[in-house]
Every structure is written in C-alpha cells, then in structure tokens.
Amino acid sequence: MNYRKGCVGLAAVSLACGTGCTLEEVDSDAIRTKGLYAEMLAIAPGNGNTLVRVNLTVGGNSGTRVQLVGQDVLVAEPDEDTRVELARTGRGRYDGTLEGEASREVTVRLERGAEDAPAEGTALLPAPFAMQLESPTAGGVDRSTPVIVGWQDPSVEDTNLDWSVEGDCIWSDSGVTPDDGVMTLNPEHVRVKSTQAGEECVVRLTLDRSTTNGVDPLFVPGSNFRAVQRRAVTFVSTPGVGEKNGPEAAPMSATAED
C-alpha cells in the first residue's frame, strides 16, 4: 500500500498517524471500493457544456483524499457513444467536461483492475432554463428595494429551486423558491456588512435546478450524485434607506381629517 505524505509503517486503512503526522492523500490501490466515499456532481452552468466532478475520500466526506493509480480510472458517459476520462485536478478531485447541457442521464463509473470491483452512479441532469432580471437595475438597486428575477421554462411539477446570493459588501444568504418562473429577492436577504455600510458592490444571484441520486451501494453509504442546471444574474447593490449614502425614505401620505 502506498501512502502519500504520510507516516511509515501504518496498518491498513485506519489512516491514523501519530502526533504531528497527517495523511493528505492515499493511493487507490490501498483501498477497496467498499471503503471509498464518492461525491459526484454534474453541473451545467449555462455555457453550453456540462462539468462532471468527483471527489473521492476514504470512509466518509471528511476522510483522507484518494489518488487513482494503476488501472483505476473515473469515466463519464452521457450517452452510449461518448466516454470522457476525468482528470485529476486536486487532491482526491477529478474533473471532465461533456459537450451539451440538455437534460439527459449522466453515468460516472469508477473502473478498477481485476483485483477489485468497479462501481458507478447515474443522475438525471434537469432541463435547462434561461434566467433574467425583471427589475430595472440601471444605476444599481438600493438595498431597501426588492429584486425580481424570472426564468423561462418553469417546471411543470411541484418542485423548488435553490437560490443563493453573494457579494463583497453583503452577507451571503440562501434558500429555496418554487420553480414557477418568478422570484422576488426581498431586502432582508441583501444585508450589508457593518464594515461596508454605505458602499456598493456587485451582487450575484444564483438559481440551481437539481436532482440528487444514490450511487452503487458498493460505495460507502452516503455517497451521492447531484446533477444541476445553474443560472445566475448580477446587479450592483447600493445603499438602502436609512443607510449611509442611501436614499431618503418616501414621505408618508397625509390622512384627510373629517
């Protein structure tokens, strides 16, 4: 068994080092398939392609990362005629790019030599959609004003989208919204950081339409395959009412006396 940057003379896959010694990565020929935790992702970000990513660790998602060696390889297959081998892009991480972003099943398979069993996962990439801002954004949107976004081809089923918002001057936030074609981002989700009150920044609002499938039970329980259609818009977030450099509150209308 070959361990990278680890201790010498360790017993098999306990991965426990003595004080001051940590394992950053272990070679796959030291691990049976049933000891591998696989986190698979297929994501179409709206650029016409689909990124496939797999993270492999030992025992669970916080375990030591795994480097494929020998005959071990990860491949993605979006159809019967296409096979893409994933390349190592970091410790335990493997990426590959598939052409196209249409809804389809994507299979990712871990192929191994004769001494161990292969395993795979399959997930359905959801239908793509187009997203756009419905609110006027010229000159920015102050943080006391809601932002409305819409998207084409909402789901015909009773499903939700995951949303997230982030920017340098605001606190990140996230939630879910019905996949019905329109969403209002209310001011309470665009909260300025106290150290940047009165400033403006570019904010990114992201919507994810996703499915999550289980994988081959030979992998460690909890292993999963998530397939995502991701779309995003950006706008400039400016100070809101009551904030430094923000607009004045609209005057309250007077009530006529009898």
C-alpha atoms as a PDB file:
ATOM      1  CA  MET A   1       0.000   0.000   0.000  1.00  0.00           C
ATOM      2  CA  ASN A   2       1.295   3.412  -0.963  1.00  0.00           C
ATOM      3  CA  TYR A   3       0.565   6.426   1.207  1.00  0.00           C
ATOM      4  CA  ARG A   4       1.490   9.939   0.106  1.00  0.00           C
ATOM      5  CA  LYS A   5       2.944  12.390   2.633  1.00  0.00           C
ATOM      6  CA  GLY A   6       2.018  10.020   5.442  1.00  0.00           C
ATOM      7  CA  CYS A   7       3.626   8.007   8.187  1.00  0.00           C
ATOM      8  CA  VAL A   8       5.777   4.976   7.550  1.00  0.00           C
ATOM      9  CA  GLY A   9       4.586   1.546   8.722  1.00  0.00           C
ATOM     10  CA  LEU A  10       0.886   2.307   9.272  1.00  0.00           C
ATOM     11  CA  ALA A  11      -1.564  -0.543   9.497  1.00  0.00           C
ATOM     12  CA  ALA A  12      -4.038  -0.642   6.596  1.00  0.00           C
ATOM     13  CA  VAL A  13      -6.730   1.890   6.190  1.00  0.00           C
ATOM     14  CA  SER A  14      -7.136   3.142   9.742  1.00  0.00           C
ATOM     15  CA  LEU A  15      -5.312   6.226   8.438  1.00  0.00           C
ATOM     16  CA  ALA A  16      -4.352   7.160  11.959  1.00  0.00           C
ATOM     17  CA  CYS A  17      -0.984   8.796  12.351  1.00  0.00           C
ATOM     18  CA  GLY A  18       0.961   9.569  15.449  1.00  0.00           C
ATOM     19  CA  THR A  19       1.133  13.040  16.898  1.00  0.00           C
ATOM     20  CA  GLY A  20       2.178  15.649  14.374  1.00  0.00           C
ATOM     21  CA  CYS A  21       1.699  13.380  11.349  1.00  0.00           C
ATOM     22  CA  THR A  22      -1.217  13.630   8.916  1.00  0.00           C
ATOM     23  CA  LEU A  23      -2.103  11.868   5.690  1.00  0.00           C
ATOM     24  CA  GLU A  24      -3.045  14.190   2.858  1.00  0.00           C
ATOM     25  CA  GLU A  25      -3.703  11.528   0.240  1.00  0.00           C
ATOM     26  CA  VAL A  26      -3.718   7.763  -0.157  1.00  0.00           C
ATOM     27  CA  ASP A  27      -3.267   5.751  -3.361  1.00  0.00           C
ATOM     28  CA  SER A  28      -6.355   3.929  -4.565  1.00  0.00           C
ATOM     29  CA  ASP A  29      -4.613   0.555  -4.707  1.00  0.00           C
ATOM     30  CA  ALA A  30      -4.657   0.626  -0.893  1.00  0.00           C
ATOM     31  CA  ILE A  31      -8.463   0.935  -0.706  1.00  0.00           C
ATOM     32  CA  ARG A  32     -11.212  -1.491  -1.637  1.00  0.00           C
ATOM     33  CA  THR A  33     -14.210   0.009  -3.428  1.00  0.00           C
ATOM     34  CA  LYS A  34     -16.369  -0.613  -0.361  1.00  0.00           C
ATOM     35  CA  GLY A  35     -14.091   1.763   1.574  1.00  0.00           C
ATOM     36  CA  LEU A  36     -14.490   4.663  -0.871  1.00  0.00           C
ATOM     37  CA  TYR A  37     -16.844   7.591  -0.339  1.00  0.00           C
ATOM     38  CA  ALA A  38     -17.818   9.138  -3.700  1.00  0.00           C
ATOM     39  CA  GLU A  39     -19.304  12.607  -4.080  1.00  0.00           C
ATOM     40  CA  MET A  40     -20.315  13.094  -7.727  1.00  0.00           C
ATOM     41  CA  LEU A  41     -21.537  16.248  -9.456  1.00  0.00           C
ATOM     42  CA  ALA A  42     -22.698  17.082 -12.981  1.00  0.00           C
ATOM     43  CA  ILE A  43     -23.314  20.815 -13.384  1.00  0.00           C
ATOM     44  CA  ALA A  44     -24.381  22.796 -16.462  1.00  0.00           C
ATOM     45  CA  PRO A  45     -23.647  26.495 -15.779  1.00  0.00           C
ATOM     46  CA  GLY A  46     -25.261  27.829 -18.955  1.00  0.00           C
ATOM     47  CA  ASN A  47     -22.189  27.915 -21.207  1.00  0.00           C
ATOM     48  CA  GLY A  48     -23.281  25.013 -23.409  1.00  0.00           C
ATOM     49  CA  ASN A  49     -21.216  22.363 -21.583  1.00  0.00           C
ATOM     50  CA  THR A  50     -21.577  20.176 -18.501  1.00  0.00           C
ATOM     51  CA  LEU A  51     -18.827  19.874 -15.900  1.00  0.00           C
ATOM     52  CA  VAL A  52     -18.516  16.493 -14.204  1.00  0.00           C
ATOM     53  CA  ARG A  53     -16.630  16.411 -10.891  1.00  0.00           C
ATOM     54  CA  VAL A  54     -15.935  13.578  -8.462  1.00  0.00           C
ATOM     55  CA  ASN A  55     -14.394  13.799  -5.006  1.00  0.00           C
ATOM     56  CA  LEU A  56     -13.066  10.507  -3.605  1.00  0.00           C
ATOM     57  CA  THR A  57     -12.251  10.056   0.065  1.00  0.00           C
ATOM     58  CA  VAL A  58     -11.810   7.166   2.473  1.00  0.00           C
ATOM     59  CA  GLY A  59     -14.737   6.228   4.677  1.00  0.00           C
ATOM     60  CA  GLY A  60     -16.699   9.494   4.503  1.00  0.00           C
ATOM     61  CA  ASN A  61     -16.758  13.025   3.120  1.00  0.00           C
ATOM     62  CA  SER A  62     -14.196  14.234   5.665  1.00  0.00           C
ATOM     63  CA  GLY A  63     -11.846  11.300   5.144  1.00  0.00           C
ATOM     64  CA  THR A  64      -8.409  11.238   3.573  1.00  0.00           C
ATOM     65  CA  ARG A  65      -8.488  12.014  -0.151  1.00  0.00           C
ATOM     66  CA  VAL A  66      -7.751   9.316  -2.707  1.00  0.00           C
ATOM     67  CA  GLN A  67      -5.468   9.432  -5.738  1.00  0.00           C
ATOM     68  CA  LEU A  68      -6.256   6.968  -8.517  1.00  0.00           C
ATOM     69  CA  VAL A  69      -3.268   4.853  -9.554  1.00  0.00           C
ATOM     70  CA  GLY A  70      -2.625   1.839 -11.756  1.00  0.00           C
ATOM     71  CA  GLN A  71      -5.679   0.696 -13.687  1.00  0.00           C
ATOM     72  CA  ASP A  72      -8.116   2.753 -11.572  1.00  0.00           C
ATOM     73  CA  VAL A  73      -9.851   5.493 -13.578  1.00  0.00           C
ATOM     74  CA  LEU A  74     -13.046   7.572 -13.476  1.00  0.00           C
ATOM     75  CA  VAL A  75     -15.064   7.962 -16.684  1.00  0.00           C
ATOM     76  CA  ALA A  76     -18.230   9.907 -17.525  1.00  0.00           C
ATOM     77  CA  GLU A  77     -20.698   8.666 -20.115  1.00  0.00           C
ATOM     78  CA  PRO A  78     -23.548  10.983 -21.186  1.00  0.00           C
ATOM     79  CA  ASP A  79     -24.689   8.548 -23.882  1.00  0.00           C
ATOM     80  CA  GLU A  80     -23.828   5.184 -25.402  1.00  0.00           C
ATOM     81  CA  ASP A  81     -21.287   6.628 -27.840  1.00  0.00           C
ATOM     82  CA  THR A  82     -19.390   9.074 -25.607  1.00  0.00           C
ATOM     83  CA  ARG A  83     -16.784   8.335 -22.959  1.00  0.00           C
ATOM     84  CA  VAL A  84     -14.785  11.046 -21.177  1.00  0.00           C
ATOM     85  CA  GLU A  85     -12.000  10.195 -18.752  1.00  0.00           C
ATOM     86  CA  LEU A  86     -11.865  12.509 -15.737  1.00  0.00           C
ATOM     87  CA  ALA A  87      -8.526  14.159 -14.978  1.00  0.00           C
ATOM     88  CA  ARG A  88      -7.082  14.794 -11.525  1.00  0.00           C
ATOM     89  CA  THR A  89      -7.420  18.497 -10.685  1.00  0.00           C
ATOM     90  CA  GLY A  90      -6.637  18.404  -6.973  1.00  0.00           C
ATOM     91  CA  ARG A  91      -6.212  16.008  -4.054  1.00  0.00           C
ATOM     92  CA  GLY A  92      -8.997  13.477  -4.446  1.00  0.00           C
ATOM     93  CA  ARG A  93     -10.753  15.581  -7.110  1.00  0.00           C
ATOM     94  CA  TYR A  94     -11.355  14.593 -10.733  1.00  0.00           C
ATOM     95  CA  ASP A  95     -12.975  16.732 -13.458  1.00  0.00           C
ATOM     96  CA  GLY A  96     -14.149  16.295 -17.016  1.00  0.00           C
ATOM     97  CA  THR A  97     -16.222  18.340 -19.494  1.00  0.00           C
ATOM     98  CA  LEU A  98     -19.110  16.987 -21.540  1.00  0.00           C
ATOM     99  CA  GLU A  99     -20.440  18.782 -24.603  1.00  0.00           C
ATOM    100  CA  GLY A 100     -24.024  19.982 -24.342  1.00  0.00           C
ATOM    101  CA  GLU A 101     -26.331  20.955 -21.492  1.00  0.00           C
ATOM    102  CA  ALA A 102     -29.631  19.289 -22.457  1.00  0.00           C
ATOM    103  CA  SER A 103     -31.489  17.137 -19.957  1.00  0.00           C
ATOM    104  CA  ARG A 104     -30.071  13.599 -20.016  1.00  0.00           C
ATOM    105  CA  GLU A 105     -28.802  10.851 -17.808  1.00  0.00           C
ATOM    106  CA  VAL A 106     -25.096  11.033 -16.978  1.00  0.00           C
ATOM    107  CA  THR A 107     -23.267   7.958 -15.702  1.00  0.00           C
ATOM    108  CA  VAL A 108     -19.959   8.176 -13.868  1.00  0.00           C
ATOM    109  CA  ARG A 109     -18.068   4.918 -13.360  1.00  0.00           C
ATOM    110  CA  LEU A 110     -15.024   4.019 -11.327  1.00  0.00           C
ATOM    111  CA  GLU A 111     -13.179   1.367 -13.328  1.00  0.00           C
ATOM    112  CA  ARG A 112     -10.705  -0.804 -11.457  1.00  0.00           C
ATOM    113  CA  GLY A 113      -8.280  -3.602 -12.166  1.00  0.00           C
ATOM    114  CA  ALA A 114      -9.070  -7.268 -11.785  1.00  0.00           C
ATOM    115  CA  GLU A 115      -8.379  -7.265  -8.036  1.00  0.00           C
ATOM    116  CA  ASP A 116     -11.352  -5.069  -7.094  1.00  0.00           C
ATOM    117  CA  ALA A 117     -14.929  -4.338  -8.185  1.00  0.00           C
ATOM    118  CA  PRO A 118     -15.977  -1.341 -10.300  1.00  0.00           C
ATOM    119  CA  ALA A 119     -18.829   0.932  -9.164  1.00  0.00           C
ATOM    120  CA  GLU A 120     -20.881   3.716 -10.723  1.00  0.00           C
ATOM    121  CA  GLY A 121     -23.585   6.316 -10.254  1.00  0.00           C
ATOM    122  CA  THR A 122     -26.203   7.742 -12.614  1.00  0.00           C
ATOM    123  CA  ALA A 123     -28.108  11.017 -12.288  1.00  0.00           C
ATOM    124  CA  LEU A 124     -30.611  12.843 -14.496  1.00  0.00           C
ATOM    125  CA  LEU A 125     -29.461  16.334 -15.490  1.00  0.00           C
ATOM    126  CA  PRO A 126     -32.575  18.548 -15.192  1.00  0.00           C
ATOM    127  CA  ALA A 127     -33.968  20.615 -18.046  1.00  0.00           C
ATOM    128  CA  PRO A 128     -32.043  23.839 -18.795  1.00  0.00           C
ATOM    129  CA  PHE A 129     -33.629  27.266 -18.313  1.00  0.00           C
ATOM    130  CA  ALA A 130     -32.901  30.903 -19.122  1.00  0.00           C
ATOM    131  CA  MET A 131     -32.836  33.448 -16.279  1.00  0.00           C
ATOM    132  CA  GLN A 132     -33.178  37.221 -16.463  1.00  0.00           C
ATOM    133  CA  LEU A 133     -33.627  40.282 -14.246  1.00  0.00           C
ATOM    134  CA  GLU A 134     -37.152  41.718 -14.309  1.00  0.00           C
ATOM    135  CA  SER A 135     -36.432  44.727 -12.064  1.00  0.00           C
ATOM    136  CA  PRO A 136     -34.789  47.854 -13.504  1.00  0.00           C
ATOM    137  CA  THR A 137     -31.119  47.807 -12.491  1.00  0.00           C
ATOM    138  CA  ALA A 138     -29.638  50.824 -14.274  1.00  0.00           C
ATOM    139  CA  GLY A 139     -27.687  52.782 -11.676  1.00  0.00           C
ATOM    140  CA  GLY A 140     -27.938  49.906  -9.212  1.00  0.00           C
ATOM    141  CA  VAL A 141     -30.614  48.575  -6.866  1.00  0.00           C
ATOM    142  CA  ASP A 142     -30.751  50.011  -3.369  1.00  0.00           C
ATOM    143  CA  ARG A 143     -30.842  47.502  -0.540  1.00  0.00           C
ATOM    144  CA  SER A 144     -34.315  48.539   0.613  1.00  0.00           C
ATOM    145  CA  THR A 145     -35.840  47.605  -2.766  1.00  0.00           C
ATOM    146  CA  PRO A 146     -36.831  44.052  -3.769  1.00  0.00           C
ATOM    147  CA  VAL A 147     -35.215  42.485  -6.842  1.00  0.00           C
ATOM    148  CA  ILE A 148     -37.392  40.400  -9.160  1.00  0.00           C
ATOM    149  CA  VAL A 149     -35.965  37.732 -11.469  1.00  0.00           C
ATOM    150  CA  GLY A 150     -37.721  35.466 -13.922  1.00  0.00           C
ATOM    151  CA  TRP A 151     -36.849  32.350 -15.876  1.00  0.00           C
ATOM    152  CA  GLN A 152     -38.183  30.605 -18.920  1.00  0.00           C
ATOM    153  CA  ASP A 153     -39.408  27.015 -18.921  1.00  0.00           C
ATOM    154  CA  PRO A 154     -40.506  26.674 -15.278  1.00  0.00           C
ATOM    155  CA  SER A 155     -41.050  23.158 -14.011  1.00  0.00           C
ATOM    156  CA  VAL A 156     -44.442  21.537 -14.660  1.00  0.00           C
ATOM    157  CA  GLU A 157     -44.044  19.650 -11.379  1.00  0.00           C
ATOM    158  CA  ASP A 158     -44.354  20.962  -7.836  1.00  0.00           C
ATOM    159  CA  THR A 159     -40.616  21.433  -7.291  1.00  0.00           C
ATOM    160  CA  ASN A 160     -38.275  24.074  -5.899  1.00  0.00           C
ATOM    161  CA  LEU A 161     -35.093  25.811  -6.982  1.00  0.00           C
ATOM    162  CA  ASP A 162     -32.221  26.528  -4.618  1.00  0.00           C
ATOM    163  CA  TRP A 163     -31.181  30.173  -4.609  1.00  0.00           C
ATOM    164  CA  SER A 164     -28.109  31.909  -3.218  1.00  0.00           C
ATOM    165  CA  VAL A 165     -26.897  35.496  -3.162  1.00  0.00           C
ATOM    166  CA  GLU A 166     -23.394  36.796  -2.517  1.00  0.00           C
ATOM    167  CA  GLY A 167     -21.308  39.949  -2.913  1.00  0.00           C
ATOM    168  CA  ASP A 168     -18.312  41.621  -1.336  1.00  0.00           C
ATOM    169  CA  CYS A 169     -20.361  44.135   0.672  1.00  0.00           C
ATOM    170  CA  ILE A 170     -23.258  41.908   1.776  1.00  0.00           C
ATOM    171  CA  TRP A 171     -23.728  38.787   3.841  1.00  0.00           C
ATOM    172  CA  SER A 172     -24.228  35.642   1.783  1.00  0.00           C
ATOM    173  CA  ASP A 173     -27.701  34.120   2.015  1.00  0.00           C
ATOM    174  CA  SER A 174     -29.582  31.191   0.509  1.00  0.00           C
ATOM    175  CA  GLY A 175     -32.940  29.441   0.433  1.00  0.00           C
ATOM    176  CA  VAL A 176     -35.492  27.754  -1.815  1.00  0.00           C
ATOM    177  CA  THR A 177     -38.159  29.144  -4.121  1.00  0.00           C
ATOM    178  CA  PRO A 178     -40.922  27.461  -6.158  1.00  0.00           C
ATOM    179  CA  ASP A 179     -39.847  26.588  -9.707  1.00  0.00           C
ATOM    180  CA  ASP A 180     -42.730  28.639 -11.137  1.00  0.00           C
ATOM    181  CA  GLY A 181     -40.849  31.166 -13.285  1.00  0.00           C
ATOM    182  CA  VAL A 182     -40.532  34.185 -10.963  1.00  0.00           C
ATOM    183  CA  MET A 183     -38.796  35.036  -7.688  1.00  0.00           C
ATOM    184  CA  THR A 184     -38.663  38.150  -5.531  1.00  0.00           C
ATOM    185  CA  LEU A 185     -35.441  38.664  -3.574  1.00  0.00           C
ATOM    186  CA  ASN A 186     -36.601  40.716  -0.598  1.00  0.00           C
ATOM    187  CA  PRO A 187     -34.374  43.291   1.154  1.00  0.00           C
ATOM    188  CA  GLU A 188     -33.907  41.129   4.262  1.00  0.00           C
ATOM    189  CA  HIS A 189     -31.809  38.769   2.106  1.00  0.00           C
ATOM    190  CA  VAL A 190     -29.451  41.542   0.927  1.00  0.00           C
ATOM    191  CA  ARG A 191     -27.918  42.641   4.229  1.00  0.00           C
ATOM    192  CA  VAL A 192     -24.935  44.944   4.142  1.00  0.00           C
ATOM    193  CA  LYS A 193     -21.894  44.109   6.281  1.00  0.00           C
ATOM    194  CA  SER A 194     -21.485  46.676   9.057  1.00  0.00           C
ATOM    195  CA  THR A 195     -17.913  47.400   7.985  1.00  0.00           C
ATOM    196  CA  GLN A 196     -19.115  48.293   4.467  1.00  0.00           C
ATOM    197  CA  ALA A 197     -22.272  50.240   5.179  1.00  0.00           C
ATOM    198  CA  GLY A 198     -22.735  52.996   2.618  1.00  0.00           C
ATOM    199  CA  GLU A 199     -20.762  51.147  -0.053  1.00  0.00           C
ATOM    200  CA  GLU A 200     -21.895  49.452  -3.231  1.00  0.00           C
ATOM    201  CA  CYS A 201     -20.788  46.173  -4.787  1.00  0.00           C
ATOM    202  CA  VAL A 202     -21.686  43.687  -7.479  1.00  0.00           C
ATOM    203  CA  VAL A 203     -24.084  41.023  -6.217  1.00  0.00           C
ATOM    204  CA  ARG A 204     -24.613  37.635  -7.822  1.00  0.00           C
ATOM    205  CA  LEU A 205     -27.963  35.843  -7.528  1.00  0.00           C
ATOM    206  CA  THR A 206     -27.816  32.160  -8.479  1.00  0.00           C
ATOM    207  CA  LEU A 207     -30.580  29.628  -9.116  1.00  0.00           C
ATOM    208  CA  ASP A 208     -29.979  25.856  -9.109  1.00  0.00           C
ATOM    209  CA  ARG A 209     -32.398  23.303 -10.527  1.00  0.00           C
ATOM    210  CA  SER A 210     -31.111  19.960  -9.290  1.00  0.00           C
ATOM    211  CA  THR A 211     -31.689  16.268  -8.705  1.00  0.00           C
ATOM    212  CA  THR A 212     -29.818  14.006  -6.303  1.00  0.00           C
ATOM    213  CA  ASN A 213     -29.454  10.268  -6.800  1.00  0.00           C
ATOM    214  CA  GLY A 214     -27.879   7.490  -4.821  1.00  0.00           C
ATOM    215  CA  VAL A 215     -24.971   5.572  -6.276  1.00  0.00           C
ATOM    216  CA  ASP A 216     -23.783   1.965  -6.345  1.00  0.00           C
ATOM    217  CA  PRO A 217     -24.231   0.547  -2.812  1.00  0.00           C
ATOM    218  CA  LEU A 218     -20.692  -0.776  -3.068  1.00  0.00           C
ATOM    219  CA  PHE A 219     -19.543   2.758  -2.241  1.00  0.00           C
ATOM    220  CA  VAL A 220     -19.615   3.921   1.397  1.00  0.00           C
ATOM    221  CA  PRO A 221     -23.205   4.782   2.486  1.00  0.00           C
ATOM    222  CA  GLY A 222     -23.981   8.456   1.945  1.00  0.00           C
ATOM    223  CA  SER A 223     -22.146   8.614  -1.367  1.00  0.00           C
ATOM    224  CA  ASN A 224     -24.274  10.552  -3.842  1.00  0.00           C
ATOM    225  CA  PHE A 225     -24.588  12.029  -7.327  1.00  0.00           C
ATOM    226  CA  ARG A 226     -26.036  15.542  -7.755  1.00  0.00           C
ATOM    227  CA  ALA A 227     -26.958  16.920 -11.192  1.00  0.00           C
ATOM    228  CA  VAL A 228     -27.522  20.679 -11.519  1.00  0.00           C
ATOM    229  CA  GLN A 229     -28.632  23.281 -14.032  1.00  0.00           C
ATOM    230  CA  ARG A 230     -27.194  26.568 -12.696  1.00  0.00           C
ATOM    231  CA  ARG A 231     -28.024  30.080 -13.878  1.00  0.00           C
ATOM    232  CA  ALA A 232     -27.076  33.458 -12.418  1.00  0.00           C
ATOM    233  CA  VAL A 233     -27.552  37.202 -12.849  1.00  0.00           C
ATOM    234  CA  THR A 234     -25.603  40.098 -11.381  1.00  0.00           C
ATOM    235  CA  PHE A 235     -26.540  43.624 -10.359  1.00  0.00           C
ATOM    236  CA  VAL A 236     -24.991  46.473  -8.389  1.00  0.00           C
ATOM    237  CA  SER A 237     -26.259  46.660  -4.812  1.00  0.00           C
ATOM    238  CA  THR A 238     -26.318  50.248  -3.492  1.00  0.00           C
ATOM    239  CA  PRO A 239     -27.031  51.705  -0.017  1.00  0.00           C
ATOM    240  CA  GLY A 240     -30.647  51.442   1.117  1.00  0.00           C
ATOM    241  CA  VAL A 241     -32.956  53.753   3.031  1.00  0.00           C
ATOM    242  CA  GLY A 242     -31.514  54.546   6.456  1.00  0.00           C
ATOM    243  CA  GLU A 243     -28.009  53.576   5.386  1.00  0.00           C
ATOM    244  CA  LYS A 244     -25.115  55.972   4.887  1.00  0.00           C
ATOM    245  CA  ASN A 245     -25.276  57.414   1.336  1.00  0.00           C
ATOM    246  CA  GLY A 246     -28.701  55.832   0.907  1.00  0.00           C
ATOM    247  CA  PRO A 247     -31.877  57.466  -0.445  1.00  0.00           C
ATOM    248  CA  GLU A 248     -34.344  59.243   1.820  1.00  0.00           C
ATOM    249  CA  ALA A 249     -37.474  57.404   2.859  1.00  0.00           C
ATOM    250  CA  ALA A 250     -40.552  58.271   0.848  1.00  0.00           C
ATOM    251  CA  PRO A 251     -42.776  60.748   2.722  1.00  0.00           C
ATOM    252  CA  MET A 252     -45.900  59.265   4.278  1.00  0.00           C
ATOM    253  CA  SER A 253     -49.138  60.414   2.696  1.00  0.00           C
ATOM    254  CA  ALA A 254     -51.217  62.702   4.837  1.00  0.00           C
ATOM    255  CA  THR A 255     -54.624  61.497   6.070  1.00  0.00           C
ATOM    256  CA  ALA A 256     -57.518  63.877   5.487  1.00  0.00           C
ATOM    257  CA  GLU A 257     -59.382  64.962   8.625  1.00  0.00           C
ATOM    258  CA  ASP A 258     -63.181  64.924   8.720  1.00  0.00           C
END
